[in-house]
Amino acid sequence: MDTLNQTRVTEFVFLGPTDNWVLEILFFMAFSAIYVLTLLGNILIIIATVFTPSLHTPMYFFLSNLSFIDICHSSVTVPKMLEGLLLERKTISFDNCITQLFFLHVFACAEIFLLIIMAYDRYVAICTPLHYPNVMNMRVCVQLVFALWLGGTVHSLGQTFLTIRLPYCGPNIIDSYFCDVPLVIKLACTDTYLTGILIVSNSGTISLTCFLAVVTSYTVILVSLRKHSAEGRWKALSTCSAHFMVVALFFGPCIFIYTRPDTSFSIDKVVSVFYTVVTPLLNPFIYTLRNEEVKSAMKQLRQRQVFFTKSYI
């Protein structure tokens, strides 16, 4: 508590993606469009999953949860960035910075655990299809989703504690557009080497270990596909390739950022933009463009909308 009472910094200043006002306007328009598409795309997936009986399966239950997490993950950082692009001085209060940091890690860690669950779901469905209804029933799916939210919250509480326990009494400029643990602890008025090691052992290890677990799962799936028919192999490959694209797009930036204590590169800001802005948009497009069942559900929803609109008129 004494450490918190010694905190002098009341706000942080973001440098943002650029200091060129012309580029800021262009970035504002581009990121606004991406954010709107992210919201619409992921909301459509959730609606299609809820109102299409054929999608009431564990895989699409997890997919709708992924869409919800992507909406939340993007909303933690993008609105504040869009606001900053229109302002000359981009600031955030200390309390709001810690709040943003906390929820950023809640949703990011929840997505990491969800991607592992989705990989396990595909493993059971493809490698042990006869046991799939018993292993991945709805009760188990709900329990797994509860566990991933609990795990994400516990992880984020640890990261937040490591951040707020440090004294902040000097520099307050963050070379980014959002608050994150590696960015904030650099501004502490004390040696943060041990804190950096703890962050790597937490965020870095979770990212790398979970990525290797997902890769192992999909490797086993690919090996087992040799026993399936040509049609079964194609369907499984189509689903798994879409899942793995999401995994690679999400885990790549996480591993790059959180496995380097006290080290920063000029490309970090670009990686952060891709990780927080672009990836949540790509997920719905990857699943809708490569998944015939989702596309069929979207068409059915559109036909229902047209029918009800004509009936109303």
C-alpha atoms as a PDB file:
ATOM      1  CA  MET A   1       0.000   0.000   0.000  1.00  0.00           C
ATOM      2  CA  ASP A   2       2.930   2.361   0.725  1.00  0.00           C
ATOM      3  CA  THR A   3       4.165   1.864  -2.825  1.00  0.00           C
ATOM      4  CA  LEU A   4       0.806   2.873  -4.239  1.00  0.00           C
ATOM      5  CA  ASN A   5       0.697   5.981  -2.030  1.00  0.00           C
ATOM      6  CA  GLN A   6       4.030   7.129  -3.471  1.00  0.00           C
ATOM      7  CA  THR A   7       2.694   7.103  -7.028  1.00  0.00           C
ATOM      8  CA  ARG A   8       3.101  10.577  -8.530  1.00  0.00           C
ATOM      9  CA  VAL A   9       2.125   9.945 -12.122  1.00  0.00           C
ATOM     10  CA  THR A  10      -1.596  10.621 -12.586  1.00  0.00           C
ATOM     11  CA  GLU A  11      -1.757  10.160 -16.357  1.00  0.00           C
ATOM     12  CA  PHE A  12       0.177   8.676 -19.251  1.00  0.00           C
ATOM     13  CA  VAL A  13       0.718  10.215 -22.672  1.00  0.00           C
ATOM     14  CA  PHE A  14       0.482   8.046 -25.810  1.00  0.00           C
ATOM     15  CA  LEU A  15       2.682   8.771 -28.803  1.00  0.00           C
ATOM     16  CA  GLY A  16       0.191   6.948 -31.015  1.00  0.00           C
ATOM     17  CA  PRO A  17       0.839   5.237 -34.363  1.00  0.00           C
ATOM     18  CA  THR A  18       2.298   8.441 -35.883  1.00  0.00           C
ATOM     19  CA  ASP A  19       2.768  12.166 -35.273  1.00  0.00           C
ATOM     20  CA  ASN A  20       1.829  13.174 -38.840  1.00  0.00           C
ATOM     21  CA  TRP A  21      -1.698  14.650 -38.795  1.00  0.00           C
ATOM     22  CA  VAL A  22      -2.402  13.592 -42.394  1.00  0.00           C
ATOM     23  CA  LEU A  23      -1.525   9.988 -41.585  1.00  0.00           C
ATOM     24  CA  GLU A  24      -3.541  10.254 -38.386  1.00  0.00           C
ATOM     25  CA  ILE A  25      -6.664  11.138 -40.395  1.00  0.00           C
ATOM     26  CA  LEU A  26      -6.003   8.270 -42.803  1.00  0.00           C
ATOM     27  CA  PHE A  27      -5.401   5.883 -39.910  1.00  0.00           C
ATOM     28  CA  PHE A  28      -8.588   7.094 -38.228  1.00  0.00           C
ATOM     29  CA  MET A  29     -10.673   6.304 -41.304  1.00  0.00           C
ATOM     30  CA  ALA A  30      -8.971   2.948 -41.887  1.00  0.00           C
ATOM     31  CA  PHE A  31      -9.125   1.782 -38.263  1.00  0.00           C
ATOM     32  CA  SER A  32     -12.713   3.010 -37.890  1.00  0.00           C
ATOM     33  CA  ALA A  33     -13.721   0.903 -40.894  1.00  0.00           C
ATOM     34  CA  ILE A  34     -11.826  -2.112 -39.530  1.00  0.00           C
ATOM     35  CA  TYR A  35     -13.444  -1.724 -36.107  1.00  0.00           C
ATOM     36  CA  VAL A  36     -16.962  -1.460 -37.555  1.00  0.00           C
ATOM     37  CA  LEU A  37     -16.356  -4.523 -39.744  1.00  0.00           C
ATOM     38  CA  THR A  38     -14.965  -6.374 -36.724  1.00  0.00           C
ATOM     39  CA  LEU A  39     -18.105  -5.674 -34.719  1.00  0.00           C
ATOM     40  CA  LEU A  40     -20.467  -6.525 -37.582  1.00  0.00           C
ATOM     41  CA  GLY A  41     -18.618  -9.680 -38.651  1.00  0.00           C
ATOM     42  CA  ASN A  42     -18.360 -11.153 -35.180  1.00  0.00           C
ATOM     43  CA  ILE A  43     -21.922 -10.177 -34.230  1.00  0.00           C
ATOM     44  CA  LEU A  44     -23.192 -11.891 -37.389  1.00  0.00           C
ATOM     45  CA  ILE A  45     -21.351 -15.082 -36.447  1.00  0.00           C
ATOM     46  CA  ILE A  46     -22.913 -15.009 -32.965  1.00  0.00           C
ATOM     47  CA  ILE A  47     -26.404 -14.395 -34.385  1.00  0.00           C
ATOM     48  CA  ALA A  48     -25.989 -17.113 -37.019  1.00  0.00           C
ATOM     49  CA  THR A  49     -24.835 -19.593 -34.382  1.00  0.00           C
ATOM     50  CA  VAL A  50     -27.687 -18.795 -31.998  1.00  0.00           C
ATOM     51  CA  PHE A  51     -30.519 -18.828 -34.570  1.00  0.00           C
ATOM     52  CA  THR A  52     -29.369 -21.704 -36.794  1.00  0.00           C
ATOM     53  CA  PRO A  53     -30.167 -25.140 -35.286  1.00  0.00           C
ATOM     54  CA  SER A  54     -27.593 -26.906 -37.485  1.00  0.00           C
ATOM     55  CA  LEU A  55     -24.849 -24.825 -35.822  1.00  0.00           C
ATOM     56  CA  HIS A  56     -25.816 -25.859 -32.292  1.00  0.00           C
ATOM     57  CA  THR A  57     -22.678 -27.970 -31.945  1.00  0.00           C
ATOM     58  CA  PRO A  58     -19.622 -27.631 -29.690  1.00  0.00           C
ATOM     59  CA  MET A  59     -17.429 -26.312 -32.520  1.00  0.00           C
ATOM     60  CA  TYR A  60     -19.767 -23.419 -33.313  1.00  0.00           C
ATOM     61  CA  PHE A  61     -20.490 -22.836 -29.634  1.00  0.00           C
ATOM     62  CA  PHE A  62     -16.767 -22.209 -29.187  1.00  0.00           C
ATOM     63  CA  LEU A  63     -16.665 -20.170 -32.401  1.00  0.00           C
ATOM     64  CA  SER A  64     -19.395 -17.839 -31.108  1.00  0.00           C
ATOM     65  CA  ASN A  65     -17.441 -17.430 -27.878  1.00  0.00           C
ATOM     66  CA  LEU A  66     -14.353 -16.592 -29.940  1.00  0.00           C
ATOM     67  CA  SER A  67     -16.336 -13.903 -31.749  1.00  0.00           C
ATOM     68  CA  PHE A  68     -17.524 -12.468 -28.429  1.00  0.00           C
ATOM     69  CA  ILE A  69     -13.960 -12.376 -27.104  1.00  0.00           C
ATOM     70  CA  ASP A  70     -12.735 -10.685 -30.302  1.00  0.00           C
ATOM     71  CA  ILE A  71     -15.396  -7.989 -29.929  1.00  0.00           C
ATOM     72  CA  CYS A  72     -14.319  -7.352 -26.340  1.00  0.00           C
ATOM     73  CA  HIS A  73     -10.595  -7.579 -27.124  1.00  0.00           C
ATOM     74  CA  SER A  74     -10.850  -5.040 -29.931  1.00  0.00           C
ATOM     75  CA  SER A  75     -13.106  -2.717 -27.912  1.00  0.00           C
ATOM     76  CA  VAL A  76     -10.562  -2.450 -25.099  1.00  0.00           C
ATOM     77  CA  THR A  77      -7.996  -0.635 -27.252  1.00  0.00           C
ATOM     78  CA  VAL A  78      -9.427   0.584 -30.579  1.00  0.00           C
ATOM     79  CA  PRO A  79     -11.944   3.228 -29.350  1.00  0.00           C
ATOM     80  CA  LYS A  80      -9.265   4.916 -27.236  1.00  0.00           C
ATOM     81  CA  MET A  81      -6.867   4.835 -30.180  1.00  0.00           C
ATOM     82  CA  LEU A  82      -9.484   6.393 -32.491  1.00  0.00           C
ATOM     83  CA  GLU A  83     -10.073   9.129 -29.937  1.00  0.00           C
ATOM     84  CA  GLY A  84      -6.338   9.771 -29.725  1.00  0.00           C
ATOM     85  CA  LEU A  85      -5.998  10.071 -33.495  1.00  0.00           C
ATOM     86  CA  LEU A  86      -8.334  13.084 -33.370  1.00  0.00           C
ATOM     87  CA  LEU A  87      -6.583  14.760 -30.445  1.00  0.00           C
ATOM     88  CA  GLU A  88      -3.271  16.578 -30.407  1.00  0.00           C
ATOM     89  CA  ARG A  89      -2.457  15.351 -26.907  1.00  0.00           C
ATOM     90  CA  LYS A  90      -3.268  11.691 -26.357  1.00  0.00           C
ATOM     91  CA  THR A  91      -3.605  10.948 -22.645  1.00  0.00           C
ATOM     92  CA  ILE A  92      -5.074   8.347 -20.336  1.00  0.00           C
ATOM     93  CA  SER A  93      -5.388   8.503 -16.558  1.00  0.00           C
ATOM     94  CA  PHE A  94      -3.368   6.128 -14.419  1.00  0.00           C
ATOM     95  CA  ASP A  95      -6.494   4.306 -13.214  1.00  0.00           C
ATOM     96  CA  ASN A  96      -7.921   3.959 -16.727  1.00  0.00           C
ATOM     97  CA  CYS A  97      -4.548   2.724 -17.968  1.00  0.00           C
ATOM     98  CA  ILE A  98      -4.499  -0.033 -15.348  1.00  0.00           C
ATOM     99  CA  THR A  99      -8.122  -0.897 -16.162  1.00  0.00           C
ATOM    100  CA  GLN A 100      -7.314  -1.129 -19.876  1.00  0.00           C
ATOM    101  CA  LEU A 101      -4.283  -3.273 -19.133  1.00  0.00           C
ATOM    102  CA  PHE A 102      -6.335  -5.598 -16.931  1.00  0.00           C
ATOM    103  CA  PHE A 103      -9.105  -6.241 -19.454  1.00  0.00           C
ATOM    104  CA  LEU A 104      -6.624  -6.515 -22.328  1.00  0.00           C
ATOM    105  CA  HIS A 105      -4.986  -9.475 -20.592  1.00  0.00           C
ATOM    106  CA  VAL A 106      -8.310 -10.997 -19.516  1.00  0.00           C
ATOM    107  CA  PHE A 107      -9.551 -11.201 -23.101  1.00  0.00           C
ATOM    108  CA  ALA A 108      -6.174 -12.107 -24.624  1.00  0.00           C
ATOM    109  CA  CYS A 109      -5.589 -14.966 -22.189  1.00  0.00           C
ATOM    110  CA  ALA A 110      -9.198 -16.136 -22.538  1.00  0.00           C
ATOM    111  CA  GLU A 111      -8.691 -16.296 -26.311  1.00  0.00           C
ATOM    112  CA  ILE A 112      -5.480 -18.284 -25.890  1.00  0.00           C
ATOM    113  CA  PHE A 113      -7.253 -20.869 -23.733  1.00  0.00           C
ATOM    114  CA  LEU A 114     -10.237 -20.936 -26.098  1.00  0.00           C
ATOM    115  CA  LEU A 115      -8.001 -21.687 -29.086  1.00  0.00           C
ATOM    116  CA  ILE A 116      -6.575 -24.645 -27.166  1.00  0.00           C
ATOM    117  CA  ILE A 117     -10.093 -25.867 -26.386  1.00  0.00           C
ATOM    118  CA  MET A 118     -11.082 -25.533 -30.054  1.00  0.00           C
ATOM    119  CA  ALA A 119      -8.007 -27.538 -31.077  1.00  0.00           C
ATOM    120  CA  TYR A 120      -8.907 -30.236 -28.534  1.00  0.00           C
ATOM    121  CA  ASP A 121     -12.497 -30.238 -29.813  1.00  0.00           C
ATOM    122  CA  ARG A 122     -11.279 -30.910 -33.372  1.00  0.00           C
ATOM    123  CA  TYR A 123      -8.900 -33.594 -32.097  1.00  0.00           C
ATOM    124  CA  VAL A 124     -11.721 -35.482 -30.381  1.00  0.00           C
ATOM    125  CA  ALA A 125     -14.099 -35.011 -33.329  1.00  0.00           C
ATOM    126  CA  ILE A 126     -11.614 -36.295 -35.920  1.00  0.00           C
ATOM    127  CA  CYS A 127      -9.498 -38.819 -34.024  1.00  0.00           C
ATOM    128  CA  THR A 128     -12.176 -40.349 -31.754  1.00  0.00           C
ATOM    129  CA  PRO A 129     -15.510 -39.552 -33.459  1.00  0.00           C
ATOM    130  CA  LEU A 130     -17.441 -42.355 -31.674  1.00  0.00           C
ATOM    131  CA  HIS A 131     -16.636 -40.853 -28.263  1.00  0.00           C
ATOM    132  CA  TYR A 132     -17.215 -37.248 -29.359  1.00  0.00           C
ATOM    133  CA  PRO A 133     -20.872 -36.902 -28.178  1.00  0.00           C
ATOM    134  CA  ASN A 134     -19.932 -38.087 -24.683  1.00  0.00           C
ATOM    135  CA  VAL A 135     -16.627 -36.267 -24.381  1.00  0.00           C
ATOM    136  CA  MET A 136     -17.779 -32.888 -25.762  1.00  0.00           C
ATOM    137  CA  ASN A 137     -21.358 -32.619 -24.504  1.00  0.00           C
ATOM    138  CA  MET A 138     -22.860 -29.201 -23.772  1.00  0.00           C
ATOM    139  CA  ARG A 139     -22.225 -29.456 -20.037  1.00  0.00           C
ATOM    140  CA  VAL A 140     -18.520 -30.021 -20.639  1.00  0.00           C
ATOM    141  CA  CYS A 141     -18.440 -27.145 -23.159  1.00  0.00           C
ATOM    142  CA  VAL A 142     -19.968 -24.720 -20.670  1.00  0.00           C
ATOM    143  CA  GLN A 143     -17.529 -25.852 -17.982  1.00  0.00           C
ATOM    144  CA  LEU A 144     -14.590 -25.341 -20.357  1.00  0.00           C
ATOM    145  CA  VAL A 145     -15.770 -21.824 -21.234  1.00  0.00           C
ATOM    146  CA  PHE A 146     -16.160 -20.993 -17.531  1.00  0.00           C
ATOM    147  CA  ALA A 147     -12.643 -22.326 -16.908  1.00  0.00           C
ATOM    148  CA  LEU A 148     -11.093 -20.212 -19.669  1.00  0.00           C
ATOM    149  CA  TRP A 149     -12.689 -17.027 -18.287  1.00  0.00           C
ATOM    150  CA  LEU A 150     -11.524 -17.921 -14.797  1.00  0.00           C
ATOM    151  CA  GLY A 151      -8.010 -18.628 -16.078  1.00  0.00           C
ATOM    152  CA  GLY A 152      -7.909 -15.365 -18.014  1.00  0.00           C
ATOM    153  CA  THR A 153      -9.025 -13.398 -14.961  1.00  0.00           C
ATOM    154  CA  VAL A 154      -6.459 -15.035 -12.662  1.00  0.00           C
ATOM    155  CA  HIS A 155      -3.697 -14.419 -15.211  1.00  0.00           C
ATOM    156  CA  SER A 156      -4.682 -10.779 -15.632  1.00  0.00           C
ATOM    157  CA  LEU A 157      -4.852 -10.185 -11.879  1.00  0.00           C
ATOM    158  CA  GLY A 158      -1.255 -11.386 -11.615  1.00  0.00           C
ATOM    159  CA  GLN A 159      -0.096  -9.115 -14.436  1.00  0.00           C
ATOM    160  CA  THR A 160      -1.954  -6.151 -12.987  1.00  0.00           C
ATOM    161  CA  PHE A 161      -0.482  -6.724  -9.540  1.00  0.00           C
ATOM    162  CA  LEU A 162       3.047  -6.822 -10.985  1.00  0.00           C
ATOM    163  CA  THR A 163       2.341  -3.451 -12.620  1.00  0.00           C
ATOM    164  CA  ILE A 164       0.654  -1.453  -9.845  1.00  0.00           C
ATOM    165  CA  ARG A 165       3.124  -2.519  -7.155  1.00  0.00           C
ATOM    166  CA  LEU A 166       5.837  -0.474  -8.876  1.00  0.00           C
ATOM    167  CA  PRO A 167       6.379   3.241  -8.151  1.00  0.00           C
ATOM    168  CA  TYR A 168       5.727   5.668 -11.041  1.00  0.00           C
ATOM    169  CA  CYS A 169       7.245   9.056 -10.340  1.00  0.00           C
ATOM    170  CA  GLY A 170       9.004  10.191 -13.494  1.00  0.00           C
ATOM    171  CA  PRO A 171       8.460   9.604 -17.244  1.00  0.00           C
ATOM    172  CA  ASN A 172       4.885   9.078 -18.383  1.00  0.00           C
ATOM    173  CA  ILE A 173       5.185   8.726 -22.179  1.00  0.00           C
ATOM    174  CA  ILE A 174       4.095   5.407 -23.696  1.00  0.00           C
ATOM    175  CA  ASP A 175       5.348   4.754 -27.221  1.00  0.00           C
ATOM    176  CA  SER A 176       2.127   3.111 -28.321  1.00  0.00           C
ATOM    177  CA  TYR A 177      -1.621   3.736 -28.394  1.00  0.00           C
ATOM    178  CA  PHE A 178      -2.684   1.524 -25.478  1.00  0.00           C
ATOM    179  CA  CYS A 179      -1.477   0.384 -22.058  1.00  0.00           C
ATOM    180  CA  ASP A 180       0.225  -2.973 -21.718  1.00  0.00           C
ATOM    181  CA  VAL A 181       2.411  -4.441 -18.998  1.00  0.00           C
ATOM    182  CA  PRO A 182       5.768  -4.348 -20.871  1.00  0.00           C
ATOM    183  CA  LEU A 183       5.113  -0.727 -21.924  1.00  0.00           C
ATOM    184  CA  VAL A 184       4.033   0.554 -18.517  1.00  0.00           C
ATOM    185  CA  ILE A 185       6.657  -1.088 -16.306  1.00  0.00           C
ATOM    186  CA  LYS A 186       9.403   0.592 -18.366  1.00  0.00           C
ATOM    187  CA  LEU A 187       8.250   3.879 -16.835  1.00  0.00           C
ATOM    188  CA  ALA A 188       8.645   2.702 -13.230  1.00  0.00           C
ATOM    189  CA  CYS A 189      11.130   4.497 -10.989  1.00  0.00           C
ATOM    190  CA  THR A 190      12.883   1.308  -9.967  1.00  0.00           C
ATOM    191  CA  ASP A 191      14.715  -1.687 -11.381  1.00  0.00           C
ATOM    192  CA  THR A 192      12.173  -3.820 -13.249  1.00  0.00           C
ATOM    193  CA  TYR A 193      14.432  -6.692 -14.294  1.00  0.00           C
ATOM    194  CA  LEU A 194      12.825  -9.167 -11.884  1.00  0.00           C
ATOM    195  CA  THR A 195       9.354  -7.973 -12.861  1.00  0.00           C
ATOM    196  CA  GLY A 196      10.246  -8.492 -16.518  1.00  0.00           C
ATOM    197  CA  ILE A 197      11.348 -12.056 -15.755  1.00  0.00           C
ATOM    198  CA  LEU A 198       8.052 -12.718 -13.950  1.00  0.00           C
ATOM    199  CA  ILE A 199       6.099 -11.346 -16.920  1.00  0.00           C
ATOM    200  CA  VAL A 200       7.951 -13.604 -19.337  1.00  0.00           C
ATOM    201  CA  SER A 201       7.445 -16.593 -17.050  1.00  0.00           C
ATOM    202  CA  ASN A 202       3.724 -15.773 -17.040  1.00  0.00           C
ATOM    203  CA  SER A 203       2.557 -14.239 -20.328  1.00  0.00           C
ATOM    204  CA  GLY A 204       5.481 -15.462 -22.412  1.00  0.00           C
ATOM    205  CA  THR A 205       5.351 -19.015 -21.137  1.00  0.00           C
ATOM    206  CA  ILE A 206       1.568 -19.214 -21.509  1.00  0.00           C
ATOM    207  CA  SER A 207       1.743 -17.955 -25.097  1.00  0.00           C
ATOM    208  CA  LEU A 208       4.595 -20.229 -26.178  1.00  0.00           C
ATOM    209  CA  THR A 209       3.433 -23.345 -24.323  1.00  0.00           C
ATOM    210  CA  CYS A 210      -0.152 -23.043 -25.514  1.00  0.00           C
ATOM    211  CA  PHE A 211       0.988 -22.448 -29.087  1.00  0.00           C
ATOM    212  CA  LEU A 212       3.116 -25.604 -29.005  1.00  0.00           C
ATOM    213  CA  ALA A 213       0.184 -27.540 -27.530  1.00  0.00           C
ATOM    214  CA  VAL A 214      -2.116 -26.363 -30.336  1.00  0.00           C
ATOM    215  CA  VAL A 215       0.487 -27.201 -32.999  1.00  0.00           C
ATOM    216  CA  THR A 216       0.923 -30.662 -31.485  1.00  0.00           C
ATOM    217  CA  SER A 217      -2.836 -31.199 -31.507  1.00  0.00           C
ATOM    218  CA  TYR A 218      -3.177 -30.279 -35.179  1.00  0.00           C
ATOM    219  CA  THR A 219      -0.128 -32.385 -36.070  1.00  0.00           C
ATOM    220  CA  VAL A 220      -1.780 -35.440 -34.511  1.00  0.00           C
ATOM    221  CA  ILE A 221      -4.975 -34.621 -36.412  1.00  0.00           C
ATOM    222  CA  LEU A 222      -3.140 -34.393 -39.736  1.00  0.00           C
ATOM    223  CA  VAL A 223      -1.434 -37.735 -39.126  1.00  0.00           C
ATOM    224  CA  SER A 224      -4.752 -39.397 -38.269  1.00  0.00           C
ATOM    225  CA  LEU A 225      -6.407 -38.107 -41.479  1.00  0.00           C
ATOM    226  CA  ARG A 226      -4.662 -40.825 -43.468  1.00  0.00           C
ATOM    227  CA  LYS A 227      -7.309 -43.261 -42.203  1.00  0.00           C
ATOM    228  CA  HIS A 228     -10.227 -41.139 -43.440  1.00  0.00           C
ATOM    229  CA  SER A 229     -11.930 -41.027 -46.815  1.00  0.00           C
ATOM    230  CA  ALA A 230     -11.014 -38.346 -49.353  1.00  0.00           C
ATOM    231  CA  GLU A 231     -14.188 -36.385 -48.551  1.00  0.00           C
ATOM    232  CA  GLY A 232     -13.588 -36.680 -44.813  1.00  0.00           C
ATOM    233  CA  ARG A 233      -9.971 -35.559 -45.209  1.00  0.00           C
ATOM    234  CA  TRP A 234     -11.013 -32.517 -47.235  1.00  0.00           C
ATOM    235  CA  LYS A 235     -13.658 -31.437 -44.725  1.00  0.00           C
ATOM    236  CA  ALA A 236     -11.303 -31.918 -41.773  1.00  0.00           C
ATOM    237  CA  LEU A 237      -8.462 -30.113 -43.527  1.00  0.00           C
ATOM    238  CA  SER A 238     -10.746 -27.198 -44.394  1.00  0.00           C
ATOM    239  CA  THR A 239     -11.872 -26.788 -40.785  1.00  0.00           C
ATOM    240  CA  CYS A 240      -8.445 -27.308 -39.239  1.00  0.00           C
ATOM    241  CA  SER A 241      -6.679 -24.991 -41.684  1.00  0.00           C
ATOM    242  CA  ALA A 242      -9.109 -22.188 -40.783  1.00  0.00           C
ATOM    243  CA  HIS A 243      -8.508 -22.826 -37.087  1.00  0.00           C
ATOM    244  CA  PHE A 244      -4.750 -22.907 -37.527  1.00  0.00           C
ATOM    245  CA  MET A 245      -4.745 -19.623 -39.468  1.00  0.00           C
ATOM    246  CA  VAL A 246      -6.476 -17.979 -36.490  1.00  0.00           C
ATOM    247  CA  VAL A 247      -3.960 -19.593 -34.132  1.00  0.00           C
ATOM    248  CA  ALA A 248      -0.953 -18.387 -36.123  1.00  0.00           C
ATOM    249  CA  LEU A 249      -2.320 -14.839 -36.498  1.00  0.00           C
ATOM    250  CA  PHE A 250      -3.001 -14.557 -32.780  1.00  0.00           C
ATOM    251  CA  PHE A 251      -0.100 -16.423 -31.195  1.00  0.00           C
ATOM    252  CA  GLY A 252       2.601 -14.964 -33.448  1.00  0.00           C
ATOM    253  CA  PRO A 253       2.361 -11.381 -32.106  1.00  0.00           C
ATOM    254  CA  CYS A 254       1.813 -12.636 -28.527  1.00  0.00           C
ATOM    255  CA  ILE A 255       4.989 -14.705 -28.574  1.00  0.00           C
ATOM    256  CA  PHE A 256       6.930 -11.878 -30.240  1.00  0.00           C
ATOM    257  CA  ILE A 257       5.878  -9.293 -27.643  1.00  0.00           C
ATOM    258  CA  TYR A 258       5.757 -11.228 -24.375  1.00  0.00           C
ATOM    259  CA  THR A 259       8.885 -13.391 -24.608  1.00  0.00           C
ATOM    260  CA  ARG A 260      11.356 -10.469 -24.616  1.00  0.00           C
ATOM    261  CA  PRO A 261      11.914  -8.921 -21.176  1.00  0.00           C
ATOM    262  CA  ASP A 262      13.232  -5.325 -21.214  1.00  0.00           C
ATOM    263  CA  THR A 263      13.701  -5.432 -24.994  1.00  0.00           C
ATOM    264  CA  SER A 264      11.872  -3.368 -27.598  1.00  0.00           C
ATOM    265  CA  PHE A 265      12.059  -2.994 -31.362  1.00  0.00           C
ATOM    266  CA  SER A 266      10.729  -0.347 -33.725  1.00  0.00           C
ATOM    267  CA  ILE A 267       8.380  -2.920 -35.253  1.00  0.00           C
ATOM    268  CA  ASP A 268       6.630  -3.514 -31.909  1.00  0.00           C
ATOM    269  CA  LYS A 269       4.060  -0.814 -32.614  1.00  0.00           C
ATOM    270  CA  VAL A 270       3.148  -2.384 -35.963  1.00  0.00           C
ATOM    271  CA  VAL A 271       2.853  -5.823 -34.372  1.00  0.00           C
ATOM    272  CA  SER A 272       0.631  -4.357 -31.646  1.00  0.00           C
ATOM    273  CA  VAL A 273      -1.684  -2.783 -34.226  1.00  0.00           C
ATOM    274  CA  PHE A 274      -1.967  -6.101 -36.044  1.00  0.00           C
ATOM    275  CA  TYR A 275      -2.554  -7.995 -32.786  1.00  0.00           C
ATOM    276  CA  THR A 276      -5.259  -5.696 -31.365  1.00  0.00           C
ATOM    277  CA  VAL A 277      -6.904  -4.212 -34.485  1.00  0.00           C
ATOM    278  CA  VAL A 278      -6.486  -6.500 -37.490  1.00  0.00           C
ATOM    279  CA  THR A 279      -6.615 -10.015 -36.005  1.00  0.00           C
ATOM    280  CA  PRO A 280     -10.120  -9.652 -34.460  1.00  0.00           C
ATOM    281  CA  LEU A 281     -11.349  -8.679 -37.938  1.00  0.00           C
ATOM    282  CA  LEU A 282      -9.670 -11.583 -39.722  1.00  0.00           C
ATOM    283  CA  ASN A 283     -11.253 -14.251 -37.540  1.00  0.00           C
ATOM    284  CA  PRO A 284     -14.852 -13.853 -38.827  1.00  0.00           C
ATOM    285  CA  PHE A 285     -13.656 -13.556 -42.424  1.00  0.00           C
ATOM    286  CA  ILE A 286     -11.507 -16.673 -42.152  1.00  0.00           C
ATOM    287  CA  TYR A 287     -14.375 -18.718 -40.753  1.00  0.00           C
ATOM    288  CA  THR A 288     -17.134 -17.363 -43.011  1.00  0.00           C
ATOM    289  CA  LEU A 289     -15.153 -17.472 -46.256  1.00  0.00           C
ATOM    290  CA  ARG A 290     -13.799 -20.988 -45.701  1.00  0.00           C
ATOM    291  CA  ASN A 291     -16.730 -22.608 -43.902  1.00  0.00           C
ATOM    292  CA  GLU A 292     -19.710 -23.701 -45.988  1.00  0.00           C
ATOM    293  CA  GLU A 293     -21.952 -24.264 -42.960  1.00  0.00           C
ATOM    294  CA  VAL A 294     -21.437 -20.722 -41.688  1.00  0.00           C
ATOM    295  CA  LYS A 295     -21.995 -19.264 -45.152  1.00  0.00           C
ATOM    296  CA  SER A 296     -25.182 -21.310 -45.488  1.00  0.00           C
ATOM    297  CA  ALA A 297     -26.383 -20.043 -42.113  1.00  0.00           C
ATOM    298  CA  MET A 298     -25.694 -16.456 -43.201  1.00  0.00           C
ATOM    299  CA  LYS A 299     -27.761 -16.982 -46.356  1.00  0.00           C
ATOM    300  CA  GLN A 300     -30.632 -18.402 -44.330  1.00  0.00           C
ATOM    301  CA  LEU A 301     -30.578 -15.399 -42.021  1.00  0.00           C
ATOM    302  CA  ARG A 302     -30.611 -13.058 -45.002  1.00  0.00           C
ATOM    303  CA  GLN A 303     -33.543 -14.929 -46.545  1.00  0.00           C
ATOM    304  CA  ARG A 304     -35.452 -14.731 -43.262  1.00  0.00           C
ATOM    305  CA  GLN A 305     -34.776 -11.009 -43.068  1.00  0.00           C
ATOM    306  CA  VAL A 306     -36.047 -10.483 -46.635  1.00  0.00           C
ATOM    307  CA  PHE A 307     -39.132 -12.604 -45.928  1.00  0.00           C
ATOM    308  CA  PHE A 308     -40.052 -10.722 -42.760  1.00  0.00           C
ATOM    309  CA  THR A 309     -39.354  -7.390 -44.418  1.00  0.00           C
ATOM    310  CA  LYS A 310     -41.687  -8.208 -47.322  1.00  0.00           C
ATOM    311  CA  SER A 311     -44.327  -9.533 -44.910  1.00  0.00           C
ATOM    312  CA  TYR A 312     -44.143  -6.332 -42.869  1.00  0.00           C
ATOM    313  CA  ILE A 313     -44.417  -4.133 -45.952  1.00  0.00           C
END
